[in-house]
Amino acid sequence: SCADSRRTLSGYVMGWFRQAPGKEREFVATISWSG
């Protein structure tokens, strides 16, 4: 879970990325403003 305690996230494109030690950052998923 990801939460923003300061502002509503409805106006943002959201994404998940991951990175393992010694490896480059990898794209996981993204979701539109409305979902």
PDB file of all heavy atoms in Angstrom:
ATOM      1  N   SER A   1       0.834  -1.183   0.000  1.00  0.00           N
ATOM      2  CA  SER A   1       0.000   0.000   0.000  1.00  0.00           C
ATOM      3  C   SER A   1       0.878   1.246   0.000  1.00  0.00           C
ATOM      4  O   SER A   1       1.962   1.258   0.581  1.00  0.00           O
ATOM      5  CB  SER A   1      -0.926   0.003   1.217  1.00  0.00           C
ATOM      6  OG  SER A   1      -1.792   1.126   1.191  1.00  0.00           O
ATOM      7  N   CYS A   2       0.399   2.281  -0.654  1.00  0.00           N
ATOM      8  CA  CYS A   2       1.086   3.566  -0.723  1.00  0.00           C
ATOM      9  C   CYS A   2       0.092   4.648  -0.345  1.00  0.00           C
ATOM     10  O   CYS A   2      -1.026   4.675  -0.865  1.00  0.00           O
ATOM     11  CB  CYS A   2       1.630   3.799  -2.133  1.00  0.00           C
ATOM     12  SG  CYS A   2       2.315   5.439  -2.422  1.00  0.00           S
ATOM     13  N   ALA A   3       0.497   5.542   0.538  1.00  0.00           N
ATOM     14  CA  ALA A   3      -0.394   6.596   1.003  1.00  0.00           C
ATOM     15  C   ALA A   3       0.303   7.945   1.003  1.00  0.00           C
ATOM     16  O   ALA A   3       1.504   8.038   1.257  1.00  0.00           O
ATOM     17  CB  ALA A   3      -0.909   6.280   2.399  1.00  0.00           C
ATOM     18  N   ASP A   4      -0.463   8.987   0.729  1.00  0.00           N
ATOM     19  CA  ASP A   4       0.012  10.364   0.802  1.00  0.00           C
ATOM     20  C   ASP A   4      -0.798  11.073   1.875  1.00  0.00           C
ATOM     21  O   ASP A   4      -2.007  11.231   1.737  1.00  0.00           O
ATOM     22  CB  ASP A   4      -0.139  11.077  -0.535  1.00  0.00           C
ATOM     23  CG  ASP A   4       0.186  12.559  -0.445  1.00  0.00           C
ATOM     24  OD1 ASP A   4       1.026  12.939   0.400  1.00  0.00           O
ATOM     25  OD2 ASP A   4      -0.390  13.344  -1.217  1.00  0.00           O
ATOM     26  N   SER A   5      -0.136  11.478   2.929  1.00  0.00           N
ATOM     27  CA  SER A   5      -0.820  12.105   4.050  1.00  0.00           C
ATOM     28  C   SER A   5      -1.037  13.601   3.875  1.00  0.00           C
ATOM     29  O   SER A   5      -1.749  14.219   4.678  1.00  0.00           O
ATOM     30  CB  SER A   5      -0.045  11.858   5.346  1.00  0.00           C
ATOM     31  OG  SER A   5       1.245  12.438   5.286  1.00  0.00           O
ATOM     32  N   ARG A   6      -0.467  14.202   2.838  1.00  0.00           N
ATOM     33  CA  ARG A   6      -0.520  15.653   2.686  1.00  0.00           C
ATOM     34  C   ARG A   6      -1.508  16.144   1.628  1.00  0.00           C
ATOM     35  O   ARG A   6      -2.162  17.172   1.831  1.00  0.00           O
ATOM     36  CB  ARG A   6       0.874  16.197   2.358  1.00  0.00           C
ATOM     37  CG  ARG A   6       1.919  15.827   3.400  1.00  0.00           C
ATOM     38  CD  ARG A   6       3.147  16.669   3.259  1.00  0.00           C
ATOM     39  NE  ARG A   6       2.895  18.054   3.616  1.00  0.00           N
ATOM     40  CZ  ARG A   6       3.812  19.005   3.642  1.00  0.00           C
ATOM     41  NH1 ARG A   6       5.059  18.722   3.320  1.00  0.00           N
ATOM     42  NH2 ARG A   6       3.484  20.234   3.989  1.00  0.00           N
ATOM     43  N   ARG A   7      -1.619  15.433   0.524  1.00  0.00           N
ATOM     44  CA  ARG A   7      -2.531  15.858  -0.540  1.00  0.00           C
ATOM     45  C   ARG A   7      -3.226  14.680  -1.185  1.00  0.00           C
ATOM     46  O   ARG A   7      -2.727  13.571  -1.152  1.00  0.00           O
ATOM     47  CB  ARG A   7      -1.788  16.663  -1.607  1.00  0.00           C
ATOM     48  CG  ARG A   7      -1.292  18.013  -1.144  1.00  0.00           C
ATOM     49  CD  ARG A   7      -0.710  18.803  -2.309  1.00  0.00           C
ATOM     50  NE  ARG A   7      -0.242  20.109  -1.898  1.00  0.00           N
ATOM     51  CZ  ARG A   7      -0.998  21.187  -1.783  1.00  0.00           C
ATOM     52  NH1 ARG A   7      -2.298  21.117  -2.057  1.00  0.00           N
ATOM     53  NH2 ARG A   7      -0.477  22.338  -1.397  1.00  0.00           N
ATOM     54  N   THR A   8      -4.358  14.967  -1.806  1.00  0.00           N
ATOM     55  CA  THR A   8      -5.103  13.963  -2.536  1.00  0.00           C
ATOM     56  C   THR A   8      -4.308  13.529  -3.764  1.00  0.00           C
ATOM     57  O   THR A   8      -3.733  14.356  -4.461  1.00  0.00           O
ATOM     58  CB  THR A   8      -6.469  14.502  -2.960  1.00  0.00           C
ATOM     59  OG1 THR A   8      -7.224  14.861  -1.804  1.00  0.00           O
ATOM     60  CG2 THR A   8      -7.253  13.460  -3.741  1.00  0.00           C
ATOM     61  N   LEU A   9      -4.307  12.229  -4.028  1.00  0.00           N
ATOM     62  CA  LEU A   9      -3.564  11.666  -5.151  1.00  0.00           C
ATOM     63  C   LEU A   9      -4.373  11.578  -6.435  1.00  0.00           C
ATOM     64  O   LEU A   9      -3.854  11.113  -7.444  1.00  0.00           O
ATOM     65  CB  LEU A   9      -3.034  10.277  -4.787  1.00  0.00           C
ATOM     66  CG  LEU A   9      -2.022  10.192  -3.657  1.00  0.00           C
ATOM     67  CD1 LEU A   9      -1.644   8.742  -3.399  1.00  0.00           C
ATOM     68  CD2 LEU A   9      -0.793  11.017  -3.979  1.00  0.00           C
ATOM     69  N   SER A  10      -5.611  12.019  -6.409  1.00  0.00           N
ATOM     70  CA  SER A  10      -6.483  11.863  -7.566  1.00  0.00           C
ATOM     71  C   SER A  10      -5.963  12.559  -8.817  1.00  0.00           C
ATOM     72  O   SER A  10      -6.288  12.156  -9.929  1.00  0.00           O
ATOM     73  CB  SER A  10      -7.893  12.371  -7.241  1.00  0.00           C
ATOM     74  OG  SER A  10      -7.871  13.753  -6.911  1.00  0.00           O
ATOM     75  N   GLY A  11      -5.178  13.599  -8.666  1.00  0.00           N
ATOM     76  CA  GLY A  11      -4.656  14.339  -9.802  1.00  0.00           C
ATOM     77  C   GLY A  11      -3.357  13.799 -10.372  1.00  0.00           C
ATOM     78  O   GLY A  11      -2.808  14.391 -11.304  1.00  0.00           O
ATOM     79  N   TYR A  12      -2.866  12.685  -9.850  1.00  0.00           N
ATOM     80  CA  TYR A  12      -1.581  12.138 -10.265  1.00  0.00           C
ATOM     81  C   TYR A  12      -1.702  10.778 -10.929  1.00  0.00           C
ATOM     82  O   TYR A  12      -2.534   9.956 -10.548  1.00  0.00           O
ATOM     83  CB  TYR A  12      -0.647  11.993  -9.063  1.00  0.00           C
ATOM     84  CG  TYR A  12      -0.227  13.296  -8.435  1.00  0.00           C
ATOM     85  CD1 TYR A  12      -0.946  13.841  -7.385  1.00  0.00           C
ATOM     86  CD2 TYR A  12       0.898  13.977  -8.889  1.00  0.00           C
ATOM     87  CE1 TYR A  12      -0.569  15.040  -6.798  1.00  0.00           C
ATOM     88  CE2 TYR A  12       1.288  15.176  -8.309  1.00  0.00           C
ATOM     89  CZ  TYR A  12       0.549  15.698  -7.265  1.00  0.00           C
ATOM     90  OH  TYR A  12       0.936  16.880  -6.690  1.00  0.00           O
ATOM     91  N   VAL A  13      -0.846  10.563 -11.908  1.00  0.00           N
ATOM     92  CA  VAL A  13      -0.581   9.216 -12.382  1.00  0.00           C
ATOM     93  C   VAL A  13       0.303   8.546 -11.332  1.00  0.00           C
ATOM     94  O   VAL A  13       1.271   9.146 -10.859  1.00  0.00           O
ATOM     95  CB  VAL A  13       0.135   9.244 -13.741  1.00  0.00           C
ATOM     96  CG1 VAL A  13       0.613   7.850 -14.130  1.00  0.00           C
ATOM     97  CG2 VAL A  13      -0.778   9.813 -14.813  1.00  0.00           C
ATOM     98  N   MET A  14      -0.033   7.327 -10.960  1.00  0.00           N
ATOM     99  CA  MET A  14       0.719   6.621  -9.937  1.00  0.00           C
ATOM    100  C   MET A  14       1.420   5.407 -10.533  1.00  0.00           C
ATOM    101  O   MET A  14       0.908   4.760 -11.440  1.00  0.00           O
ATOM    102  CB  MET A  14      -0.200   6.166  -8.802  1.00  0.00           C
ATOM    103  CG  MET A  14      -0.939   7.299  -8.101  1.00  0.00           C
ATOM    104  SD  MET A  14       0.199   8.493  -7.329  1.00  0.00           S
ATOM    105  CE  MET A  14       1.036   7.442  -6.131  1.00  0.00           C
ATOM    106  N   GLY A  15       2.586   5.110  -9.991  1.00  0.00           N
ATOM    107  CA  GLY A  15       3.336   3.970 -10.479  1.00  0.00           C
ATOM    108  C   GLY A  15       4.032   3.222  -9.362  1.00  0.00           C
ATOM    109  O   GLY A  15       4.243   3.760  -8.269  1.00  0.00           O
ATOM    110  N   TRP A  16       4.360   1.973  -9.641  1.00  0.00           N
ATOM    111  CA  TRP A  16       5.183   1.151  -8.755  1.00  0.00           C
ATOM    112  C   TRP A  16       6.432   0.732  -9.512  1.00  0.00           C
ATOM    113  O   TRP A  16       6.356   0.294 -10.668  1.00  0.00           O
ATOM    114  CB  TRP A  16       4.444  -0.095  -8.276  1.00  0.00           C
ATOM    115  CG  TRP A  16       3.421   0.152  -7.205  1.00  0.00           C
ATOM    116  CD1 TRP A  16       2.092   0.343  -7.370  1.00  0.00           C
ATOM    117  CD2 TRP A  16       3.672   0.212  -5.796  1.00  0.00           C
ATOM    118  NE1 TRP A  16       1.482   0.520  -6.153  1.00  0.00           N
ATOM    119  CE2 TRP A  16       2.425   0.444  -5.169  1.00  0.00           C
ATOM    120  CE3 TRP A  16       4.804   0.086  -5.006  1.00  0.00           C
ATOM    121  CZ2 TRP A  16       2.286   0.553  -3.780  1.00  0.00           C
ATOM    122  CZ3 TRP A  16       4.668   0.197  -3.630  1.00  0.00           C
ATOM    123  CH2 TRP A  16       3.429   0.430  -3.032  1.00  0.00           C
ATOM    124  N   PHE A  17       7.568   0.863  -8.849  1.00  0.00           N
ATOM    125  CA  PHE A  17       8.850   0.426  -9.383  1.00  0.00           C
ATOM    126  C   PHE A  17       9.530  -0.450  -8.344  1.00  0.00           C
ATOM    127  O   PHE A  17       9.159  -0.439  -7.171  1.00  0.00           O
ATOM    128  CB  PHE A  17       9.744   1.623  -9.720  1.00  0.00           C
ATOM    129  CG  PHE A  17       9.257   2.448 -10.871  1.00  0.00           C
ATOM    130  CD1 PHE A  17       8.230   3.361 -10.703  1.00  0.00           C
ATOM    131  CD2 PHE A  17       9.820   2.311 -12.130  1.00  0.00           C
ATOM    132  CE1 PHE A  17       7.774   4.132 -11.766  1.00  0.00           C
ATOM    133  CE2 PHE A  17       9.375   3.072 -13.198  1.00  0.00           C
ATOM    134  CZ  PHE A  17       8.352   3.977 -13.015  1.00  0.00           C
ATOM    135  N   ARG A  18      10.529  -1.194  -8.777  1.00  0.00           N
ATOM    136  CA  ARG A  18      11.280  -2.015  -7.836  1.00  0.00           C
ATOM    137  C   ARG A  18      12.753  -2.022  -8.221  1.00  0.00           C
ATOM    138  O   ARG A  18      13.111  -1.821  -9.375  1.00  0.00           O
ATOM    139  CB  ARG A  18      10.735  -3.440  -7.777  1.00  0.00           C
ATOM    140  CG  ARG A  18      10.899  -4.233  -9.063  1.00  0.00           C
ATOM    141  CD  ARG A  18      10.186  -5.571  -8.951  1.00  0.00           C
ATOM    142  NE  ARG A  18      10.390  -6.407 -10.129  1.00  0.00           N
ATOM    143  CZ  ARG A  18       9.796  -7.570 -10.316  1.00  0.00           C
ATOM    144  NH1 ARG A  18       8.949  -8.053  -9.405  1.00  0.00           N
ATOM    145  NH2 ARG A  18      10.049  -8.268 -11.423  1.00  0.00           N
ATOM    146  N   GLN A  19      13.591  -2.276  -7.224  1.00  0.00           N
ATOM    147  CA  GLN A  19      15.015  -2.339  -7.470  1.00  0.00           C
ATOM    148  C   GLN A  19      15.664  -3.332  -6.513  1.00  0.00           C
ATOM    149  O   GLN A  19      15.518  -3.221  -5.304  1.00  0.00           O
ATOM    150  CB  GLN A  19      15.662  -0.963  -7.309  1.00  0.00           C
ATOM    151  CG  GLN A  19      17.117  -0.929  -7.727  1.00  0.00           C
ATOM    152  CD  GLN A  19      17.639   0.486  -7.887  1.00  0.00           C
ATOM    153  OE1 GLN A  19      17.135   1.417  -7.261  1.00  0.00           O
ATOM    154  NE2 GLN A  19      18.634   0.654  -8.737  1.00  0.00           N
ATOM    155  N   ALA A  20      16.371  -4.286  -7.080  1.00  0.00           N
ATOM    156  CA  ALA A  20      17.112  -5.262  -6.306  1.00  0.00           C
ATOM    157  C   ALA A  20      18.571  -4.822  -6.221  1.00  0.00           C
ATOM    158  O   ALA A  20      19.059  -4.103  -7.098  1.00  0.00           O
ATOM    159  CB  ALA A  20      17.013  -6.640  -6.952  1.00  0.00           C
ATOM    160  N   PRO A  21      19.293  -5.244  -5.181  1.00  0.00           N
ATOM    161  CA  PRO A  21      20.705  -4.873  -5.056  1.00  0.00           C
ATOM    162  C   PRO A  21      21.514  -5.270  -6.280  1.00  0.00           C
ATOM    163  O   PRO A  21      21.419  -6.399  -6.759  1.00  0.00           O
ATOM    164  CB  PRO A  21      21.160  -5.655  -3.813  1.00  0.00           C
ATOM    165  CG  PRO A  21      19.913  -5.837  -3.015  1.00  0.00           C
ATOM    166  CD  PRO A  21      18.826  -6.044  -4.040  1.00  0.00           C
ATOM    167  N   GLY A  22      22.281  -4.334  -6.800  1.00  0.00           N
ATOM    168  CA  GLY A  22      23.109  -4.604  -7.960  1.00  0.00           C
ATOM    169  C   GLY A  22      22.386  -4.594  -9.279  1.00  0.00           C
ATOM    170  O   GLY A  22      22.999  -4.860 -10.321  1.00  0.00           O
ATOM    171  N   LYS A  23      21.088  -4.300  -9.271  1.00  0.00           N
ATOM    172  CA  LYS A  23      20.313  -4.272 -10.498  1.00  0.00           C
ATOM    173  C   LYS A  23      19.701  -2.895 -10.708  1.00  0.00           C
ATOM    174  O   LYS A  23      19.546  -2.112  -9.769  1.00  0.00           O
ATOM    175  CB  LYS A  23      19.206  -5.326 -10.465  1.00  0.00           C
ATOM    176  CG  LYS A  23      19.707  -6.756 -10.398  1.00  0.00           C
ATOM    177  CD  LYS A  23      18.554  -7.742 -10.444  1.00  0.00           C
ATOM    178  CE  LYS A  23      19.048  -9.168 -10.417  1.00  0.00           C
ATOM    179  NZ  LYS A  23      17.920 -10.137 -10.455  1.00  0.00           N
ATOM    180  N   GLU A  24      19.343  -2.612 -11.945  1.00  0.00           N
ATOM    181  CA  GLU A  24      18.744  -1.328 -12.266  1.00  0.00           C
ATOM    182  C   GLU A  24      17.277  -1.301 -11.864  1.00  0.00           C
ATOM    183  O   GLU A  24      16.628  -2.339 -11.706  1.00  0.00           O
ATOM    184  CB  GLU A  24      18.896  -1.018 -13.758  1.00  0.00           C
ATOM    185  CG  GLU A  24      18.175  -1.988 -14.670  1.00  0.00           C
ATOM    186  CD  GLU A  24      18.421  -1.688 -16.135  1.00  0.00           C
ATOM    187  OE1 GLU A  24      19.321  -0.881 -16.433  1.00  0.00           O
ATOM    188  OE2 GLU A  24      17.718  -2.254 -16.990  1.00  0.00           O
ATOM    189  N   ARG A  25      16.755  -0.110 -11.700  1.00  0.00           N
ATOM    190  CA  ARG A  25      15.356   0.071 -11.354  1.00  0.00           C
ATOM    191  C   ARG A  25      14.458  -0.488 -12.456  1.00  0.00           C
ATOM    192  O   ARG A  25      14.717  -0.289 -13.647  1.00  0.00           O
ATOM    193  CB  ARG A  25      15.073   1.559 -11.140  1.00  0.00           C
ATOM    194  CG  ARG A  25      13.650   1.884 -10.721  1.00  0.00           C
ATOM    195  CD  ARG A  25      13.521   3.377 -10.469  1.00  0.00           C
ATOM    196  NE  ARG A  25      13.887   4.144 -11.648  1.00  0.00           N
ATOM    197  CZ  ARG A  25      14.198   5.435 -11.637  1.00  0.00           C
ATOM    198  NH1 ARG A  25      14.209   6.105 -10.489  1.00  0.00           N
ATOM    199  NH2 ARG A  25      14.509   6.058 -12.766  1.00  0.00           N
ATOM    200  N   GLU A  26      13.396  -1.164 -12.055  1.00  0.00           N
ATOM    201  CA  GLU A  26      12.507  -1.818 -12.995  1.00  0.00           C
ATOM    202  C   GLU A  26      11.073  -1.327 -12.818  1.00  0.00           C
ATOM    203  O   GLU A  26      10.568  -1.234 -11.697  1.00  0.00           O
ATOM    204  CB  GLU A  26      12.556  -3.336 -12.806  1.00  0.00           C
ATOM    205  CG  GLU A  26      11.644  -4.124 -13.742  1.00  0.00           C
ATOM    206  CD  GLU A  26      11.638  -5.606 -13.443  1.00  0.00           C
ATOM    207  OE1 GLU A  26      12.067  -5.995 -12.340  1.00  0.00           O
ATOM    208  OE2 GLU A  26      11.209  -6.392 -14.320  1.00  0.00           O
ATOM    209  N   PHE A  27      10.415  -1.048 -13.922  1.00  0.00           N
ATOM    210  CA  PHE A  27       9.018  -0.659 -13.895  1.00  0.00           C
ATOM    211  C   PHE A  27       8.141  -1.851 -13.560  1.00  0.00           C
ATOM    212  O   PHE A  27       8.331  -2.944 -14.094  1.00  0.00           O
ATOM    213  CB  PHE A  27       8.614  -0.087 -15.258  1.00  0.00           C
ATOM    214  CG  PHE A  27       7.137   0.085 -15.428  1.00  0.00           C
ATOM    215  CD1 PHE A  27       6.458   1.106 -14.780  1.00  0.00           C
ATOM    216  CD2 PHE A  27       6.423  -0.769 -16.248  1.00  0.00           C
ATOM    217  CE1 PHE A  27       5.095   1.271 -14.942  1.00  0.00           C
ATOM    218  CE2 PHE A  27       5.060  -0.622 -16.417  1.00  0.00           C
ATOM    219  CZ  PHE A  27       4.397   0.398 -15.760  1.00  0.00           C
ATOM    220  N   VAL A  28       7.151  -1.627 -12.698  1.00  0.00           N
ATOM    221  CA  VAL A  28       6.235  -2.684 -12.292  1.00  0.00           C
ATOM    222  C   VAL A  28       4.831  -2.438 -12.826  1.00  0.00           C
ATOM    223  O   VAL A  28       4.264  -3.282 -13.517  1.00  0.00           O
ATOM    224  CB  VAL A  28       6.192  -2.824 -10.759  1.00  0.00           C
ATOM    225  CG1 VAL A  28       5.137  -3.853 -10.347  1.00  0.00           C
ATOM    226  CG2 VAL A  28       7.562  -3.224 -10.227  1.00  0.00           C
ATOM    227  N   ALA A  29       4.261  -1.274 -12.509  1.00  0.00           N
ATOM    228  CA  ALA A  29       2.883  -1.001 -12.904  1.00  0.00           C
ATOM    229  C   ALA A  29       2.580   0.481 -12.793  1.00  0.00           C
ATOM    230  O   ALA A  29       3.234   1.215 -12.044  1.00  0.00           O
ATOM    231  CB  ALA A  29       1.900  -1.791 -12.038  1.00  0.00           C
ATOM    232  N   THR A  30       1.564   0.931 -13.525  1.00  0.00           N
ATOM    233  CA  THR A  30       1.095   2.303 -13.425  1.00  0.00           C
ATOM    234  C   THR A  30      -0.420   2.315 -13.550  1.00  0.00           C
ATOM    235  O   THR A  30      -1.011   1.404 -14.135  1.00  0.00           O
ATOM    236  CB  THR A  30       1.738   3.213 -14.486  1.00  0.00           C
ATOM    237  OG1 THR A  30       1.363   4.571 -14.260  1.00  0.00           O
ATOM    238  CG2 THR A  30       1.307   2.799 -15.891  1.00  0.00           C
ATOM    239  N   ILE A  31      -1.036   3.349 -13.015  1.00  0.00           N
ATOM    240  CA  ILE A  31      -2.484   3.475 -13.035  1.00  0.00           C
ATOM    241  C   ILE A  31      -2.862   4.927 -13.296  1.00  0.00           C
ATOM    242  O   ILE A  31      -2.207   5.849 -12.814  1.00  0.00           O
ATOM    243  CB  ILE A  31      -3.093   2.952 -11.710  1.00  0.00           C
ATOM    244  CG1 ILE A  31      -4.622   2.888 -11.790  1.00  0.00           C
ATOM    245  CG2 ILE A  31      -2.639   3.806 -10.526  1.00  0.00           C
ATOM    246  CD1 ILE A  31      -5.241   2.092 -10.641  1.00  0.00           C
ATOM    247  N   SER A  32      -3.934   5.122 -14.070  1.00  0.00           N
ATOM    248  CA  SER A  32      -4.360   6.455 -14.466  1.00  0.00           C
ATOM    249  C   SER A  32      -4.989   7.213 -13.303  1.00  0.00           C
ATOM    250  O   SER A  32      -5.225   6.668 -12.229  1.00  0.00           O
ATOM    251  CB  SER A  32      -5.355   6.359 -15.626  1.00  0.00           C
ATOM    252  OG  SER A  32      -6.528   5.678 -15.236  1.00  0.00           O
ATOM    253  N   TRP A  33      -5.290   8.485 -13.539  1.00  0.00           N
ATOM    254  CA  TRP A  33      -5.866   9.345 -12.502  1.00  0.00           C
ATOM    255  C   TRP A  33      -7.150   8.757 -11.925  1.00  0.00           C
ATOM    256  O   TRP A  33      -7.352   8.788 -10.710  1.00  0.00           O
ATOM    257  CB  TRP A  33      -6.174  10.734 -13.072  1.00  0.00           C
ATOM    258  CG  TRP A  33      -5.004  11.451 -13.642  1.00  0.00           C
ATOM    259  CD1 TRP A  33      -4.068  12.171 -12.972  1.00  0.00           C
ATOM    260  CD2 TRP A  33      -4.666  11.546 -15.033  1.00  0.00           C
ATOM    261  NE1 TRP A  33      -3.155  12.699 -13.842  1.00  0.00           N
ATOM    262  CE2 TRP A  33      -3.495  12.333 -15.119  1.00  0.00           C
ATOM    263  CE3 TRP A  33      -5.225  11.034 -16.210  1.00  0.00           C
ATOM    264  CZ2 TRP A  33      -2.876  12.632 -16.331  1.00  0.00           C
ATOM    265  CZ3 TRP A  33      -4.610  11.326 -17.423  1.00  0.00           C
ATOM    266  CH2 TRP A  33      -3.457  12.113 -17.468  1.00  0.00           C
ATOM    267  N   SER A  34      -7.995   8.240 -12.796  1.00  0.00           N
ATOM    268  CA  SER A  34      -9.286   7.709 -12.372  1.00  0.00           C
ATOM    269  C   SER A  34      -9.218   6.252 -11.937  1.00  0.00           C
ATOM    270  O   SER A  34     -10.142   5.762 -11.289  1.00  0.00           O
ATOM    271  CB  SER A  34     -10.303   7.843 -13.499  1.00  0.00           C
ATOM    272  OG  SER A  34      -9.943   7.032 -14.600  1.00  0.00           O
ATOM    273  N   GLY A  35      -8.150   5.570 -12.299  1.00  0.00           N
ATOM    274  CA  GLY A  35      -8.039   4.155 -12.008  1.00  0.00           C
ATOM    275  C   GLY A  35      -8.592   3.263 -13.099  1.00  0.00           C
ATOM    276  O   GLY A  35      -8.573   2.033 -12.966  1.00  0.00           O
TER     277      GLY A  35
END
